[in-house]
Amino acid sequence: MYNSVVETALKIASVAVGGAFGAIARYLIYISPLATVTGKFPLPTFIINVVGSFLLGLLFVVFGERVEVGENIRLALVVGFLSAFTTFSTFEMELFSLARDRQTLMAIFYLVLSVVVGLIGVSAGVALGRRL
């Protein structure tokens, strides 16, 4: 019983530490010069979603087929870091705001571009992971 409690606590701590670093990385992108260059298009969120999709695809292959890692490392990187880093809920809110502000074409452009380039990111991550 004691071992399972300690193992669970370590898993939770792994997710928390990874999440802290993911949130910091996300914040750093939001305060970067990218945030001021784009006008109405939410470039920082777009970049975060594409990079997050790429990293998810890469780690999926690396951890699943190439490198054996402990569960706590996988939890820290995939569940913690990437969950805090990627911004799907922010993406949804930005789409809602664009639609609410009657920026319909920008909302459609952002939606399609994010989904298509995000899928390309996952595919590129998987392809790179398989070549390592």
C-alpha atoms as a PDB file:
ATOM      1  CA  MET A   1       0.000   0.000   0.000  1.00  0.00           C
ATOM      2  CA  TYR A   2       2.799   2.429   0.928  1.00  0.00           C
ATOM      3  CA  ASN A   3       4.584   1.784  -2.382  1.00  0.00           C
ATOM      4  CA  SER A   4       1.472   2.523  -4.440  1.00  0.00           C
ATOM      5  CA  VAL A   5       0.917   5.792  -2.559  1.00  0.00           C
ATOM      6  CA  VAL A   6       4.537   6.826  -3.156  1.00  0.00           C
ATOM      7  CA  GLU A   7       4.345   5.804  -6.832  1.00  0.00           C
ATOM      8  CA  THR A   8       1.144   7.794  -7.293  1.00  0.00           C
ATOM      9  CA  ALA A   9       2.679  10.819  -5.558  1.00  0.00           C
ATOM     10  CA  LEU A  10       5.734  10.621  -7.845  1.00  0.00           C
ATOM     11  CA  LYS A  11       3.493  10.449 -10.920  1.00  0.00           C
ATOM     12  CA  ILE A  12       1.548  13.500  -9.754  1.00  0.00           C
ATOM     13  CA  ALA A  13       4.802  15.347  -9.035  1.00  0.00           C
ATOM     14  CA  SER A  14       6.108  14.435 -12.501  1.00  0.00           C
ATOM     15  CA  VAL A  15       3.019  15.877 -14.153  1.00  0.00           C
ATOM     16  CA  ALA A  16       3.212  18.989 -11.969  1.00  0.00           C
ATOM     17  CA  VAL A  17       6.893  19.661 -12.748  1.00  0.00           C
ATOM     18  CA  GLY A  18       6.368  19.073 -16.464  1.00  0.00           C
ATOM     19  CA  GLY A  19       3.296  21.287 -16.372  1.00  0.00           C
ATOM     20  CA  ALA A  20       5.206  24.104 -14.707  1.00  0.00           C
ATOM     21  CA  PHE A  21       7.846  24.051 -17.442  1.00  0.00           C
ATOM     22  CA  GLY A  22       5.187  23.823 -20.164  1.00  0.00           C
ATOM     23  CA  ALA A  23       3.357  26.820 -18.748  1.00  0.00           C
ATOM     24  CA  ILE A  24       6.599  28.807 -18.563  1.00  0.00           C
ATOM     25  CA  ALA A  25       7.452  27.928 -22.172  1.00  0.00           C
ATOM     26  CA  ARG A  26       3.985  28.999 -23.278  1.00  0.00           C
ATOM     27  CA  TYR A  27       4.269  32.290 -21.403  1.00  0.00           C
ATOM     28  CA  LEU A  28       7.684  33.005 -22.921  1.00  0.00           C
ATOM     29  CA  ILE A  29       6.212  32.669 -26.409  1.00  0.00           C
ATOM     30  CA  TYR A  30       3.350  35.018 -25.483  1.00  0.00           C
ATOM     31  CA  ILE A  31       5.755  37.726 -24.297  1.00  0.00           C
ATOM     32  CA  SER A  32       8.128  37.282 -27.241  1.00  0.00           C
ATOM     33  CA  PRO A  33       8.219  39.775 -30.120  1.00  0.00           C
ATOM     34  CA  LEU A  34       5.899  37.403 -32.032  1.00  0.00           C
ATOM     35  CA  ALA A  35       2.996  38.650 -29.950  1.00  0.00           C
ATOM     36  CA  THR A  36       3.290  42.204 -31.296  1.00  0.00           C
ATOM     37  CA  VAL A  37       3.839  41.508 -34.992  1.00  0.00           C
ATOM     38  CA  THR A  38       0.639  39.816 -36.003  1.00  0.00           C
ATOM     39  CA  GLY A  39      -2.256  42.213 -35.744  1.00  0.00           C
ATOM     40  CA  LYS A  40      -5.505  40.314 -35.229  1.00  0.00           C
ATOM     41  CA  PHE A  41      -4.137  36.862 -36.144  1.00  0.00           C
ATOM     42  CA  PRO A  42      -3.201  34.993 -32.907  1.00  0.00           C
ATOM     43  CA  LEU A  43       0.294  33.926 -34.055  1.00  0.00           C
ATOM     44  CA  PRO A  44       1.670  32.944 -30.618  1.00  0.00           C
ATOM     45  CA  THR A  45      -1.206  30.489 -30.032  1.00  0.00           C
ATOM     46  CA  PHE A  46      -0.862  29.186 -33.579  1.00  0.00           C
ATOM     47  CA  ILE A  47       2.882  28.577 -33.119  1.00  0.00           C
ATOM     48  CA  ILE A  48       2.332  26.901 -29.755  1.00  0.00           C
ATOM     49  CA  ASN A  49      -0.324  24.569 -31.188  1.00  0.00           C
ATOM     50  CA  VAL A  50       1.834  23.598 -34.177  1.00  0.00           C
ATOM     51  CA  VAL A  51       4.979  23.065 -32.074  1.00  0.00           C
ATOM     52  CA  GLY A  52       2.955  21.141 -29.497  1.00  0.00           C
ATOM     53  CA  SER A  53       1.460  18.942 -32.217  1.00  0.00           C
ATOM     54  CA  PHE A  54       4.926  18.285 -33.637  1.00  0.00           C
ATOM     55  CA  LEU A  55       6.362  17.427 -30.220  1.00  0.00           C
ATOM     56  CA  LEU A  56       3.430  15.133 -29.445  1.00  0.00           C
ATOM     57  CA  GLY A  57       3.967  13.237 -32.693  1.00  0.00           C
ATOM     58  CA  LEU A  58       7.722  13.054 -32.105  1.00  0.00           C
ATOM     59  CA  LEU A  59       7.408  11.839 -28.512  1.00  0.00           C
ATOM     60  CA  PHE A  60       4.724   9.352 -29.513  1.00  0.00           C
ATOM     61  CA  VAL A  61       7.219   7.607 -31.782  1.00  0.00           C
ATOM     62  CA  VAL A  62      10.346   8.151 -29.696  1.00  0.00           C
ATOM     63  CA  PHE A  63       8.791   6.838 -26.480  1.00  0.00           C
ATOM     64  CA  GLY A  64       6.733   4.168 -28.197  1.00  0.00           C
ATOM     65  CA  GLU A  65       9.268   2.783 -30.672  1.00  0.00           C
ATOM     66  CA  ARG A  66      12.762   4.167 -30.116  1.00  0.00           C
ATOM     67  CA  VAL A  67      13.645   4.905 -26.517  1.00  0.00           C
ATOM     68  CA  GLU A  68      12.470   3.189 -23.390  1.00  0.00           C
ATOM     69  CA  VAL A  69      11.731   5.781 -20.734  1.00  0.00           C
ATOM     70  CA  GLY A  70      10.217   5.535 -17.323  1.00  0.00           C
ATOM     71  CA  GLU A  71       6.566   6.311 -16.860  1.00  0.00           C
ATOM     72  CA  ASN A  72       7.338   9.390 -14.766  1.00  0.00           C
ATOM     73  CA  ILE A  73       9.428  10.943 -17.558  1.00  0.00           C
ATOM     74  CA  ARG A  74       6.693  10.218 -20.090  1.00  0.00           C
ATOM     75  CA  LEU A  75       4.094  11.725 -17.756  1.00  0.00           C
ATOM     76  CA  ALA A  76       6.253  14.807 -17.142  1.00  0.00           C
ATOM     77  CA  LEU A  77       6.803  15.485 -20.832  1.00  0.00           C
ATOM     78  CA  VAL A  78       3.582  14.361 -22.497  1.00  0.00           C
ATOM     79  CA  VAL A  79       0.917  14.909 -19.853  1.00  0.00           C
ATOM     80  CA  GLY A  80       2.589  17.717 -17.899  1.00  0.00           C
ATOM     81  CA  PHE A  81       4.669  19.776 -20.305  1.00  0.00           C
ATOM     82  CA  LEU A  82       2.626  19.412 -23.491  1.00  0.00           C
ATOM     83  CA  SER A  83      -0.729  19.783 -21.747  1.00  0.00           C
ATOM     84  CA  ALA A  84       0.357  23.035 -20.150  1.00  0.00           C
ATOM     85  CA  PHE A  85       2.203  24.224 -23.253  1.00  0.00           C
ATOM     86  CA  THR A  86      -0.471  23.648 -25.875  1.00  0.00           C
ATOM     87  CA  THR A  87      -3.431  25.908 -25.903  1.00  0.00           C
ATOM     88  CA  PHE A  88      -6.460  24.262 -27.391  1.00  0.00           C
ATOM     89  CA  SER A  89      -8.809  25.978 -24.963  1.00  0.00           C
ATOM     90  CA  THR A  90      -7.237  29.324 -25.817  1.00  0.00           C
ATOM     91  CA  PHE A  91      -7.565  28.441 -29.492  1.00  0.00           C
ATOM     92  CA  GLU A  92     -11.291  27.826 -29.017  1.00  0.00           C
ATOM     93  CA  MET A  93     -11.745  31.102 -27.124  1.00  0.00           C
ATOM     94  CA  GLU A  94      -9.919  33.033 -29.832  1.00  0.00           C
ATOM     95  CA  LEU A  95     -12.141  31.473 -32.498  1.00  0.00           C
ATOM     96  CA  PHE A  96     -15.187  32.432 -30.470  1.00  0.00           C
ATOM     97  CA  SER A  97     -13.913  35.999 -30.085  1.00  0.00           C
ATOM     98  CA  LEU A  98     -13.176  36.351 -33.799  1.00  0.00           C
ATOM     99  CA  ALA A  99     -16.666  35.073 -34.642  1.00  0.00           C
ATOM    100  CA  ARG A 100     -18.265  37.306 -32.005  1.00  0.00           C
ATOM    101  CA  ASP A 101     -16.422  40.309 -33.453  1.00  0.00           C
ATOM    102  CA  ARG A 102     -17.737  39.376 -36.910  1.00  0.00           C
ATOM    103  CA  GLN A 103     -14.244  38.499 -38.148  1.00  0.00           C
ATOM    104  CA  THR A 104     -15.697  35.450 -39.878  1.00  0.00           C
ATOM    105  CA  LEU A 105     -13.098  35.072 -42.627  1.00  0.00           C
ATOM    106  CA  MET A 106     -10.243  35.435 -40.123  1.00  0.00           C
ATOM    107  CA  ALA A 107     -11.913  32.850 -37.862  1.00  0.00           C
ATOM    108  CA  ILE A 108     -12.276  30.371 -40.729  1.00  0.00           C
ATOM    109  CA  PHE A 109      -8.706  31.024 -41.880  1.00  0.00           C
ATOM    110  CA  TYR A 110      -7.369  30.514 -38.354  1.00  0.00           C
ATOM    111  CA  LEU A 111      -9.410  27.325 -37.839  1.00  0.00           C
ATOM    112  CA  VAL A 112      -8.416  25.695 -41.127  1.00  0.00           C
ATOM    113  CA  LEU A 113      -4.771  26.778 -40.935  1.00  0.00           C
ATOM    114  CA  SER A 114      -4.411  25.586 -37.334  1.00  0.00           C
ATOM    115  CA  VAL A 115      -5.928  22.167 -38.023  1.00  0.00           C
ATOM    116  CA  VAL A 116      -4.065  21.569 -41.292  1.00  0.00           C
ATOM    117  CA  VAL A 117      -0.657  22.790 -40.105  1.00  0.00           C
ATOM    118  CA  GLY A 118      -1.167  21.033 -36.746  1.00  0.00           C
ATOM    119  CA  LEU A 119      -1.730  17.743 -38.579  1.00  0.00           C
ATOM    120  CA  ILE A 120       1.372  18.427 -40.649  1.00  0.00           C
ATOM    121  CA  GLY A 121       3.235  19.028 -37.373  1.00  0.00           C
ATOM    122  CA  VAL A 122       2.118  15.676 -35.949  1.00  0.00           C
ATOM    123  CA  SER A 123       3.060  13.924 -39.196  1.00  0.00           C
ATOM    124  CA  ALA A 124       6.470  15.608 -39.260  1.00  0.00           C
ATOM    125  CA  GLY A 125       7.083  14.630 -35.634  1.00  0.00           C
ATOM    126  CA  VAL A 126       6.158  11.025 -36.335  1.00  0.00           C
ATOM    127  CA  ALA A 127       8.376  10.979 -39.454  1.00  0.00           C
ATOM    128  CA  LEU A 128      11.342  12.473 -37.573  1.00  0.00           C
ATOM    129  CA  GLY A 129      10.825  10.106 -34.659  1.00  0.00           C
ATOM    130  CA  ARG A 130      10.943   7.128 -36.996  1.00  0.00           C
ATOM    131  CA  ARG A 131      14.185   8.343 -38.585  1.00  0.00           C
ATOM    132  CA  LEU A 132      16.039   8.761 -35.299  1.00  0.00           C
END
